[in-house]
């Protein structure tokens, strides 16, 4: 069986793949910026290992032997699901494999945003760390005593609830229905959460229902001086409205791992703001996540090999979720 990983993989990731892949699974790796290479490699591939580069209908149609698109991660908004269904190509993702990494990164962005870490880092390294105006510290704060509000309450925010409570924060969440009681309080409306939370953290898939969820009106509903964290998808937020709210300090700070256009362009106004902490969509990316992902890759490829042909309709037996449409938690 032949699989193609479309990703600028590190030396460590490449070594892990070589060490763990069984003899019957041949994995080729192509840089996700090399469009020509991915078309060549997919010509006789059974499996596409997908990270972020869009999987278009054109790409799928160029791969006559392809039977599975295996997402390394959770979000499948970068895959043309309808084209895969039409072509009889299964699509699977990996819920849970990156939850711990994303949870820790989310907590890091919360703390970095509240304590102005990015601004203080630049100021200190430029020799101005001891010349900051006293008012700088009027804009910092602690998690203790604040209310953290999660929009969506899947595995990532659930992992964060206990640590946040231990730090002295209150935790609320907005989801379609209440979860088991774990110390967090369910709020039945988005507006209700935005009015209450000092820190708002996004944990939703990107769908037609969630696209632009935090528009200008929703951002105005947030508490003055609140902090926004996004480790989900950039398109959940109106970036122009967010930049305006941050520039006027209506929103105190934002910690962003995702952007509407990726790789994020240098002209994005959010990147020029000192009250934004930005990372390049790497909340999920740790060696531990990759080890768990490789295990899923091997298991799904084994099932595909042993089960013969696989389609979007018959792929429910694959490890992870087989996808027609993602359900909101």
Protein backbone atom coordinates (compact mmCIF):
# COMPACT_ATOMS: atom_id res chain seq x y z
CA UNK A 1 0.00 0.00 0.00
CA UNK A 2 1.24 3.45 -0.88
CA UNK A 3 0.53 6.63 1.09
CA UNK A 4 1.58 10.22 0.42
CA UNK A 5 2.07 12.74 3.21
CA UNK A 6 1.61 16.31 1.95
CA UNK A 7 3.45 18.29 4.59
CA UNK A 8 6.77 20.01 5.26
CA UNK A 9 7.66 17.34 7.78
CA UNK A 10 10.47 17.80 10.28
CA UNK A 11 13.39 15.42 10.53
CA UNK A 12 11.87 14.03 13.72
CA UNK A 13 8.50 13.35 12.09
CA UNK A 14 10.19 11.67 9.12
CA UNK A 15 12.22 9.47 11.45
CA UNK A 16 9.10 8.46 13.40
CA UNK A 17 7.32 7.49 10.21
CA UNK A 18 10.26 5.40 9.03
CA UNK A 19 10.57 3.64 12.38
CA UNK A 20 6.89 2.90 12.92
CA UNK A 21 5.54 2.21 9.42
CA UNK A 22 5.13 -1.53 8.73
CA UNK A 23 6.83 -3.09 5.73
CA UNK A 24 3.64 -3.22 3.68
CA UNK A 25 3.09 0.58 3.97
CA UNK A 26 5.24 2.80 1.77
CA UNK A 27 4.98 6.47 2.77
CA UNK A 28 6.26 9.23 0.48
CA UNK A 29 6.57 12.80 1.74
CA UNK A 30 6.12 15.92 -0.38
CA UNK A 31 6.36 19.55 0.68
CA UNK A 32 2.92 21.13 0.89
CA UNK A 33 4.14 24.04 -1.25
CA UNK A 34 5.20 21.78 -4.16
CA UNK A 35 2.03 21.50 -6.25
CA UNK A 36 3.71 19.55 -9.02
CA UNK A 37 5.09 16.92 -6.68
CA UNK A 38 1.77 16.12 -5.00
CA UNK A 39 0.09 15.49 -8.37
CA UNK A 40 2.94 13.19 -9.44
CA UNK A 41 2.98 11.25 -6.19
CA UNK A 42 -0.79 10.78 -6.04
CA UNK A 43 -0.90 9.22 -9.50
CA UNK A 44 -0.54 5.73 -7.97
CA UNK A 45 -1.26 6.36 -4.29
CA UNK A 46 -3.91 4.63 -2.17
CA UNK A 47 -3.91 7.10 0.72
CA UNK A 48 -3.40 10.85 1.05
CA UNK A 49 -2.19 11.96 4.48
CA UNK A 50 -3.54 15.49 4.73
CA UNK A 51 -2.54 18.27 7.13
CA UNK A 52 -3.50 21.79 5.92
CA UNK A 53 -2.91 22.23 2.17
CA UNK A 54 -6.39 22.21 0.54
CA UNK A 55 -7.60 18.91 -0.90
CA UNK A 56 -9.54 20.11 -3.92
CA UNK A 57 -11.79 18.25 -6.34
CA UNK A 58 -9.09 18.68 -9.00
CA UNK A 59 -6.52 17.01 -6.76
CA UNK A 60 -8.82 14.11 -5.93
CA UNK A 61 -9.75 13.61 -9.58
CA UNK A 62 -6.05 13.33 -10.47
CA UNK A 63 -5.60 10.31 -8.17
CA UNK A 64 -7.32 7.31 -9.80
CA UNK A 65 -6.22 4.79 -7.15
CA UNK A 66 -6.92 6.94 -4.11
CA UNK A 67 -9.18 5.28 -1.54
CA UNK A 68 -8.68 7.33 1.61
CA UNK A 69 -7.93 10.90 2.65
CA UNK A 70 -6.64 10.67 6.21
CA UNK A 71 -6.72 14.01 7.99
CA UNK A 72 -3.91 14.40 10.52
CA UNK A 73 -5.95 16.39 12.99
CA UNK A 74 -9.64 17.11 13.35
CA UNK A 75 -10.89 19.90 11.08
CA UNK A 76 -11.87 18.86 7.56
CA UNK A 77 -12.88 22.23 6.14
CA UNK A 78 -9.84 22.06 3.82
CA UNK A 79 -11.13 18.87 2.14
CA UNK A 80 -13.73 18.85 -0.64
CA UNK A 81 -15.98 16.31 1.06
CA UNK A 82 -18.57 16.30 -1.71
CA UNK A 83 -15.93 15.52 -4.36
CA UNK A 84 -14.57 12.71 -2.19
CA UNK A 85 -18.06 11.25 -1.81
CA UNK A 86 -18.68 11.48 -5.54
CA UNK A 87 -15.40 9.70 -6.28
CA UNK A 88 -15.92 7.01 -3.63
CA UNK A 89 -12.94 8.16 -1.56
CA UNK A 90 -13.23 7.74 2.21
CA UNK A 91 -12.39 10.63 4.52
CA UNK A 92 -11.35 10.15 8.15
CA UNK A 93 -10.03 12.45 10.85
CA UNK A 94 -8.35 11.92 14.24
CA UNK A 95 -10.46 13.32 17.07
CA UNK A 96 -8.55 13.32 20.34
CA UNK A 97 -5.02 12.89 19.03
CA UNK A 98 -4.12 16.57 19.41
CA UNK A 99 -6.43 17.54 22.28
CA UNK A 100 -3.74 17.70 24.95
CA UNK A 101 -1.41 19.78 22.81
CA UNK A 102 -4.17 22.22 21.81
CA UNK A 103 -5.35 22.49 25.42
CA UNK A 104 -1.86 23.40 26.65
CA UNK A 105 -1.34 25.89 23.82
CA UNK A 106 -4.72 27.48 24.53
CA UNK A 107 -3.76 27.95 28.18
CA UNK A 108 -0.41 29.40 27.11
CA UNK A 109 -2.16 31.94 24.85
CA UNK A 110 -4.52 32.91 27.66
CA UNK A 111 -1.64 33.64 30.00
CA UNK A 112 0.49 35.33 27.34
CA UNK A 113 -2.41 37.60 26.35
CA UNK A 114 -3.32 38.55 29.90
CA UNK A 115 0.30 39.27 30.86
CA UNK A 116 1.26 41.08 27.60
CA UNK A 117 4.09 38.58 27.09
CA UNK A 118 4.71 39.33 23.41
CA UNK A 119 5.01 43.08 24.01
CA UNK A 120 7.19 42.64 27.10
CA UNK A 121 9.43 40.17 25.28
CA UNK A 122 10.10 42.60 22.41
CA UNK A 123 10.57 45.53 24.79
CA UNK A 124 13.02 43.65 27.01
CA UNK A 125 15.08 42.30 24.12
CA UNK A 126 15.33 45.77 22.59
CA UNK A 127 16.68 47.18 25.85
CA UNK A 128 13.51 49.04 26.82
CA UNK A 129 12.11 46.62 29.34
CA UNK A 130 12.89 48.88 32.30
CA UNK A 131 11.61 52.01 30.55
CA UNK A 132 7.97 50.97 30.11
CA UNK A 133 5.33 53.45 31.17
CA UNK A 134 3.62 52.52 34.45
CA UNK A 135 0.30 52.38 32.57
CA UNK A 136 1.57 49.31 30.71
CA UNK A 137 0.71 47.23 33.73
CA UNK A 138 -2.83 48.56 33.93
CA UNK A 139 -3.48 46.32 30.93
CA UNK A 140 -2.20 43.07 32.45
CA UNK A 141 -4.11 40.63 34.60
CA UNK A 142 -4.45 37.18 36.13
CA UNK A 143 -6.70 34.23 35.37
CA UNK A 144 -7.57 34.01 39.04
CA UNK A 145 -10.88 35.77 39.65
CA UNK A 146 -11.75 35.97 35.95
CA UNK A 147 -14.46 34.09 34.06
CA UNK A 148 -13.25 31.96 31.17
CA UNK A 149 -15.92 31.23 28.57
CA UNK A 150 -15.61 28.40 26.08
CA UNK A 151 -17.58 28.49 22.84
CA UNK A 152 -17.93 24.78 22.18
CA UNK A 153 -17.22 22.25 24.90
CA UNK A 154 -15.39 19.30 23.38
CA UNK A 155 -12.28 17.50 24.56
CA UNK A 156 -9.98 20.56 24.59
CA UNK A 157 -12.03 22.86 26.87
CA UNK A 158 -12.97 19.91 29.07
CA UNK A 159 -9.29 19.24 29.67
CA UNK A 160 -8.81 22.87 30.66
CA UNK A 161 -11.69 23.20 33.10
CA UNK A 162 -10.00 21.57 36.11
CA UNK A 163 -6.69 23.48 35.72
CA UNK A 164 -8.54 26.77 35.31
CA UNK A 165 -10.66 26.13 38.37
CA UNK A 166 -7.50 25.24 40.30
CA UNK A 167 -6.01 28.60 39.29
CA UNK A 168 -9.03 30.38 40.70
CA UNK A 169 -10.93 31.13 37.50
CA UNK A 170 -14.62 30.53 36.90
CA UNK A 171 -15.51 28.47 33.82
CA UNK A 172 -18.62 28.79 31.66
CA UNK A 173 -19.39 27.37 28.24
CA UNK A 174 -21.85 27.66 25.38
CA UNK A 175 -22.82 24.47 23.57
CA UNK A 176 -25.98 22.92 22.17
CA UNK A 177 -26.65 21.07 25.40
CA UNK A 178 -25.12 20.88 28.88
CA UNK A 179 -22.33 18.41 29.53
CA UNK A 180 -21.76 16.31 32.63
CA UNK A 181 -21.17 18.45 35.69
CA UNK A 182 -17.42 19.07 36.01
CA UNK A 183 -17.42 22.47 37.66
CA UNK A 184 -18.15 24.45 34.49
CA UNK A 185 -21.49 26.21 34.01
CA UNK A 186 -23.53 25.83 30.82
CA UNK A 187 -24.88 29.01 29.23
CA UNK A 188 -27.65 28.48 26.71
CA UNK A 189 -26.87 31.40 24.36
CA UNK A 190 -23.81 32.83 22.68
CA UNK A 191 -24.80 36.34 23.69
CA UNK A 192 -25.13 35.24 27.29
CA UNK A 193 -21.61 33.86 27.31
CA UNK A 194 -20.07 36.88 25.59
CA UNK A 195 -21.65 39.21 28.15
CA UNK A 196 -20.28 37.18 31.07
CA UNK A 197 -16.78 36.00 30.07
CA UNK A 198 -13.54 37.91 30.66
CA UNK A 199 -11.69 35.43 28.45
CA UNK A 200 -13.49 33.95 25.42
CA UNK A 201 -11.95 30.84 23.84
CA UNK A 202 -13.17 29.31 20.56
CA UNK A 203 -13.44 25.52 20.15
CA UNK A 204 -15.71 24.88 17.17
CA UNK A 205 -15.28 23.28 13.74
CA UNK A 206 -15.70 25.49 10.71
CA UNK A 207 -19.08 24.88 9.08
CA UNK A 208 -21.67 26.95 7.24
CA UNK A 209 -23.27 27.54 10.65
CA UNK A 210 -20.12 28.76 12.41
CA UNK A 211 -18.48 30.80 9.63
CA UNK A 212 -18.16 34.39 10.87
CA UNK A 213 -19.73 33.50 14.22
CA UNK A 214 -17.89 36.32 15.99
CA UNK A 215 -18.81 39.19 13.72
CA UNK A 216 -18.70 42.89 14.59
CA UNK A 217 -21.95 42.70 16.54
CA UNK A 218 -20.81 39.69 18.57
CA UNK A 219 -17.47 41.35 19.32
CA UNK A 220 -19.32 44.44 20.59
CA UNK A 221 -21.25 42.14 22.92
CA UNK A 222 -18.04 40.99 24.62
CA UNK A 223 -17.22 42.58 27.95
CA UNK A 224 -15.01 45.70 27.69
CA UNK A 225 -11.42 44.64 28.29
CA UNK A 226 -12.08 40.99 27.51
CA UNK A 227 -9.53 38.69 25.86
CA UNK A 228 -10.21 36.49 22.81
CA UNK A 229 -8.40 33.18 22.21
CA UNK A 230 -8.71 31.24 18.95
CA UNK A 231 -7.05 27.86 18.43
CA UNK A 232 -9.92 26.57 16.26
CA UNK A 233 -10.33 28.18 12.82
CA UNK A 234 -9.62 31.73 11.70
CA UNK A 235 -12.81 32.05 9.68
CA UNK A 236 -14.89 31.85 12.84
CA UNK A 237 -13.97 35.51 13.47
CA UNK A 238 -14.41 38.70 11.43
CA UNK A 239 -10.75 39.74 11.43
CA UNK A 240 -11.39 43.32 10.33
CA UNK A 241 -13.83 43.86 13.18
CA UNK A 242 -11.46 42.14 15.61
CA UNK A 243 -8.56 44.38 14.56
CA UNK A 244 -10.75 47.46 15.11
CA UNK A 245 -11.81 46.25 18.56
CA UNK A 246 -8.20 45.55 19.54
CA UNK A 247 -6.90 48.83 18.14
CA UNK A 248 -9.39 50.82 20.21
CA UNK A 249 -8.76 48.54 23.24
CA UNK A 250 -12.48 47.66 23.35
CA UNK A 251 -11.03 44.15 23.51
CA UNK A 252 -7.86 44.11 25.59
CA UNK A 253 -5.94 41.37 23.80
CA UNK A 254 -6.13 38.33 21.56
CA UNK A 255 -4.18 35.10 21.37
CA UNK A 256 -4.47 33.70 17.85
CA UNK A 257 -3.12 30.44 16.45
CA UNK A 258 -5.33 30.53 13.35
CA UNK A 259 -6.21 33.07 10.67
CA UNK A 260 -8.75 33.35 7.88
CA UNK A 261 -6.00 33.13 5.23
CA UNK A 262 -3.12 30.74 5.92
CA UNK A 263 -0.23 31.05 5.83
CA UNK A 264 -1.13 34.40 7.32
CA UNK A 265 0.01 37.28 5.10
CA UNK A 266 2.29 39.97 6.52
CA UNK A 267 -0.26 42.66 5.64
CA UNK A 268 -2.86 41.25 8.02
CA UNK A 269 -3.58 44.19 10.40
CA UNK A 270 -3.76 41.85 13.39
CA UNK A 271 -0.02 41.17 13.12
CA UNK A 272 0.91 44.81 13.70
CA UNK A 273 -0.91 45.11 17.02
CA UNK A 274 1.08 44.89 20.23
CA UNK A 275 -1.88 43.36 22.08
CA UNK A 276 -2.00 40.31 19.80
CA UNK A 277 -0.05 37.12 20.51
CA UNK A 278 0.21 35.16 17.25
CA UNK A 279 1.38 31.65 16.42
CA UNK A 280 1.28 29.93 13.00
CA UNK A 281 -1.41 27.23 13.43
CA UNK A 282 0.83 24.98 15.50
CA UNK A 283 -1.24 24.49 18.66
CA UNK A 284 -1.65 20.84 17.68
CA UNK A 285 1.95 20.20 16.70
CA UNK A 286 4.00 18.30 19.27
CA UNK A 287 6.02 15.07 18.98
CA UNK A 288 3.45 13.41 21.23
CA UNK A 289 0.60 14.38 18.88
CA UNK A 290 2.52 13.04 15.91
CA UNK A 291 3.16 9.70 17.64
CA UNK A 292 -0.57 9.29 18.31
CA UNK A 293 -1.32 10.33 14.73
CA UNK A 294 1.04 7.77 13.26
CA UNK A 295 -0.72 5.04 15.24
CA UNK A 296 -4.06 6.07 13.71
CA UNK A 297 -2.53 6.27 10.22
CA UNK A 298 -1.17 2.72 10.45
CA UNK A 299 -4.39 1.32 11.90
CA UNK A 300 -6.61 2.93 9.26
CA UNK A 301 -4.31 1.87 6.43
CA UNK A 302 -4.34 -1.68 7.81
CA UNK A 303 -8.14 -1.69 7.91
CA UNK A 304 -8.28 -0.28 4.40
CA UNK A 305 -5.87 -2.98 3.20
CA UNK A 306 -7.73 -5.82 4.92
CA UNK A 307 -11.20 -4.58 4.04
CA UNK A 308 -10.62 -3.99 0.35
CA UNK A 309 -12.42 -1.08 -1.30
CA UNK A 310 -13.61 1.73 0.95
CA UNK A 311 -16.03 4.55 0.28
CA UNK A 312 -17.31 7.50 2.24
CA UNK A 313 -20.40 5.48 3.11
CA UNK A 314 -18.59 2.35 4.30
CA UNK A 315 -15.75 4.03 6.15
CA UNK A 316 -17.46 4.06 9.55
CA UNK A 317 -15.23 1.20 10.62
CA UNK A 318 -12.14 3.32 10.29
CA UNK A 319 -10.46 4.63 13.41
CA UNK A 320 -11.59 8.14 14.17
CA UNK A 321 -14.69 9.73 12.64
CA UNK A 322 -15.72 9.14 9.08
CA UNK A 323 -17.14 12.34 7.80
CA UNK A 324 -20.05 13.58 5.84
CA UNK A 325 -20.59 16.62 8.00
CA UNK A 326 -19.05 17.51 11.35
CA UNK A 327 -21.39 17.82 14.29
CA UNK A 328 -20.96 20.64 16.78
CA UNK A 329 -20.20 19.52 20.32
